[in-house]
Amino acid sequence: MEEKSEQLKLTKERWNWLRRLIGRNIIDSFQKTNQKNVEDQKEKTISEAEQIEEILEEANAYGLRGEVDEWAKKKMKKNPMLSEIDAYVLAYQEWVK
């Protein structure tokens, strides 16, 4: 149940992020850099990195940090369309059953 709620939370955050990007004015994207969107992307990157670290720390509690990290990196190499956070969530779910 926790895994589903974690996945739903991550999906909801991703959808909010996509809505912000889709909603911006197309002219801004071609003529100039929109500083607000650049700052939002930096915050998202930091937030995503923090989420990945939390996943790895949770896996470490089970003694599986290395396995989860390695599995996620292999999945990302196999499927470039898979986001980094999704790869780590899937790896965590695979190893911590």
C-alpha atoms as a PDB file:
ATOM      1  CA  MET A   1       0.000   0.000   0.000  1.00  0.00           C
ATOM      2  CA  GLU A   2       2.878   2.352   0.815  1.00  0.00           C
ATOM      3  CA  GLU A   3       4.423   1.715  -2.586  1.00  0.00           C
ATOM      4  CA  LYS A   4       1.221   2.692  -4.371  1.00  0.00           C
ATOM      5  CA  SER A   5       0.848   5.898  -2.364  1.00  0.00           C
ATOM      6  CA  GLU A   6       4.510   6.740  -3.021  1.00  0.00           C
ATOM      7  CA  GLN A   7       4.069   6.123  -6.731  1.00  0.00           C
ATOM      8  CA  LEU A   8       0.854   8.193  -6.801  1.00  0.00           C
ATOM      9  CA  LYS A   9       2.612  11.050  -5.016  1.00  0.00           C
ATOM     10  CA  LEU A  10       5.458  11.002  -7.545  1.00  0.00           C
ATOM     11  CA  THR A  11       3.019  10.837 -10.453  1.00  0.00           C
ATOM     12  CA  LYS A  12       1.022  13.760  -9.073  1.00  0.00           C
ATOM     13  CA  GLU A  13       4.197  15.856  -8.709  1.00  0.00           C
ATOM     14  CA  ARG A  14       5.231  15.003 -12.268  1.00  0.00           C
ATOM     15  CA  TRP A  15       1.799  15.978 -13.623  1.00  0.00           C
ATOM     16  CA  ASN A  16       1.934  19.316 -11.771  1.00  0.00           C
ATOM     17  CA  TRP A  17       5.367  19.959 -13.230  1.00  0.00           C
ATOM     18  CA  LEU A  18       4.154  19.110 -16.737  1.00  0.00           C
ATOM     19  CA  ARG A  19       1.106  21.372 -16.372  1.00  0.00           C
ATOM     20  CA  ARG A  20       3.394  24.291 -15.482  1.00  0.00           C
ATOM     21  CA  LEU A  21       5.592  23.643 -18.526  1.00  0.00           C
ATOM     22  CA  ILE A  22       2.688  23.147 -20.934  1.00  0.00           C
ATOM     23  CA  GLY A  23       0.968  26.288 -19.680  1.00  0.00           C
ATOM     24  CA  ARG A  24       3.830  28.661 -20.476  1.00  0.00           C
ATOM     25  CA  ASN A  25       3.658  31.008 -23.427  1.00  0.00           C
ATOM     26  CA  ILE A  26       5.248  29.541 -26.563  1.00  0.00           C
ATOM     27  CA  ILE A  27       6.711  32.930 -27.500  1.00  0.00           C
ATOM     28  CA  ASP A  28       8.750  32.976 -24.285  1.00  0.00           C
ATOM     29  CA  SER A  29      10.274  29.637 -25.157  1.00  0.00           C
ATOM     30  CA  PHE A  30      11.603  30.913 -28.505  1.00  0.00           C
ATOM     31  CA  GLN A  31      12.509  34.534 -27.845  1.00  0.00           C
ATOM     32  CA  LYS A  32      13.961  34.531 -24.359  1.00  0.00           C
ATOM     33  CA  THR A  33      14.582  32.395 -21.339  1.00  0.00           C
ATOM     34  CA  ASN A  34      11.803  32.583 -18.810  1.00  0.00           C
ATOM     35  CA  GLN A  35      13.636  32.882 -15.484  1.00  0.00           C
ATOM     36  CA  LYS A  36      10.703  31.582 -13.488  1.00  0.00           C
ATOM     37  CA  ASN A  37      10.667  28.329 -15.471  1.00  0.00           C
ATOM     38  CA  VAL A  38      14.454  27.969 -15.150  1.00  0.00           C
ATOM     39  CA  GLU A  39      14.161  28.303 -11.366  1.00  0.00           C
ATOM     40  CA  ASP A  40      11.248  25.831 -11.301  1.00  0.00           C
ATOM     41  CA  GLN A  41      13.343  23.305 -13.240  1.00  0.00           C
ATOM     42  CA  LYS A  42      16.242  23.703 -10.792  1.00  0.00           C
ATOM     43  CA  GLU A  43      13.880  23.151  -7.873  1.00  0.00           C
ATOM     44  CA  LYS A  44      12.466  20.069  -9.607  1.00  0.00           C
ATOM     45  CA  THR A  45      15.944  18.665 -10.181  1.00  0.00           C
ATOM     46  CA  ILE A  46      16.887  19.183  -6.559  1.00  0.00           C
ATOM     47  CA  SER A  47      13.603  17.719  -5.417  1.00  0.00           C
ATOM     48  CA  GLU A  48      14.053  14.694  -7.672  1.00  0.00           C
ATOM     49  CA  ALA A  49      17.598  14.156  -6.410  1.00  0.00           C
ATOM     50  CA  GLU A  50      16.336  14.323  -2.835  1.00  0.00           C
ATOM     51  CA  GLN A  51      13.614  11.785  -3.631  1.00  0.00           C
ATOM     52  CA  ILE A  52      16.138   9.409  -5.156  1.00  0.00           C
ATOM     53  CA  GLU A  53      18.368   9.755  -2.110  1.00  0.00           C
ATOM     54  CA  GLU A  54      15.410   8.995   0.163  1.00  0.00           C
ATOM     55  CA  ILE A  55      14.641   5.871  -1.873  1.00  0.00           C
ATOM     56  CA  LEU A  56      18.269   4.769  -1.592  1.00  0.00           C
ATOM     57  CA  GLU A  57      18.329   5.445   2.150  1.00  0.00           C
ATOM     58  CA  GLU A  58      15.182   3.378   2.596  1.00  0.00           C
ATOM     59  CA  ALA A  59      16.763   0.565   0.574  1.00  0.00           C
ATOM     60  CA  ASN A  60      19.855   0.896   2.764  1.00  0.00           C
ATOM     61  CA  ALA A  61      17.691   0.104   5.778  1.00  0.00           C
ATOM     62  CA  TYR A  62      17.194  -3.331   4.189  1.00  0.00           C
ATOM     63  CA  GLY A  63      20.865  -3.583   3.184  1.00  0.00           C
ATOM     64  CA  LEU A  64      19.980  -3.243  -0.505  1.00  0.00           C
ATOM     65  CA  ARG A  65      21.193   0.247  -1.415  1.00  0.00           C
ATOM     66  CA  GLY A  66      23.806  -0.971  -3.914  1.00  0.00           C
ATOM     67  CA  GLU A  67      21.451  -3.423  -5.568  1.00  0.00           C
ATOM     68  CA  VAL A  68      18.694  -0.826  -5.991  1.00  0.00           C
ATOM     69  CA  ASP A  69      21.137   1.745  -7.364  1.00  0.00           C
ATOM     70  CA  GLU A  70      22.703  -0.716  -9.815  1.00  0.00           C
ATOM     71  CA  TRP A  71      19.322  -2.078 -10.957  1.00  0.00           C
ATOM     72  CA  ALA A  72      17.949   1.423 -11.587  1.00  0.00           C
ATOM     73  CA  LYS A  73      20.985   2.433 -13.651  1.00  0.00           C
ATOM     74  CA  LYS A  74      20.705  -0.738 -15.758  1.00  0.00           C
ATOM     75  CA  LYS A  75      17.005  -0.075 -16.379  1.00  0.00           C
ATOM     76  CA  MET A  76      17.740   3.500 -17.475  1.00  0.00           C
ATOM     77  CA  LYS A  77      20.360   2.238 -19.955  1.00  0.00           C
ATOM     78  CA  LYS A  78      17.914  -0.317 -21.369  1.00  0.00           C
ATOM     79  CA  ASN A  79      15.036   2.155 -21.594  1.00  0.00           C
ATOM     80  CA  PRO A  80      16.127   5.787 -22.155  1.00  0.00           C
ATOM     81  CA  MET A  81      12.478   6.917 -22.002  1.00  0.00           C
ATOM     82  CA  LEU A  82      12.285   5.853 -18.346  1.00  0.00           C
ATOM     83  CA  SER A  83      12.752   8.785 -15.993  1.00  0.00           C
ATOM     84  CA  GLU A  84      15.394   8.546 -13.302  1.00  0.00           C
ATOM     85  CA  ILE A  85      12.903   8.704 -10.447  1.00  0.00           C
ATOM     86  CA  ASP A  86      10.724   6.014 -12.048  1.00  0.00           C
ATOM     87  CA  ALA A  87      13.749   3.753 -12.447  1.00  0.00           C
ATOM     88  CA  TYR A  88      14.616   4.084  -8.758  1.00  0.00           C
ATOM     89  CA  VAL A  89      11.034   3.503  -7.646  1.00  0.00           C
ATOM     90  CA  LEU A  90      10.833   0.370  -9.805  1.00  0.00           C
ATOM     91  CA  ALA A  91      14.206  -0.834  -8.536  1.00  0.00           C
ATOM     92  CA  TYR A  92      13.114  -0.315  -4.944  1.00  0.00           C
ATOM     93  CA  GLN A  93       9.895  -2.203  -5.559  1.00  0.00           C
ATOM     94  CA  GLU A  94      11.785  -5.030  -7.260  1.00  0.00           C
ATOM     95  CA  TRP A  95      14.369  -5.501  -4.521  1.00  0.00           C
ATOM     96  CA  VAL A  96      12.410  -4.638  -1.382  1.00  0.00           C
ATOM     97  CA  LYS A  97       9.480  -7.023  -1.470  1.00  0.00           C
END
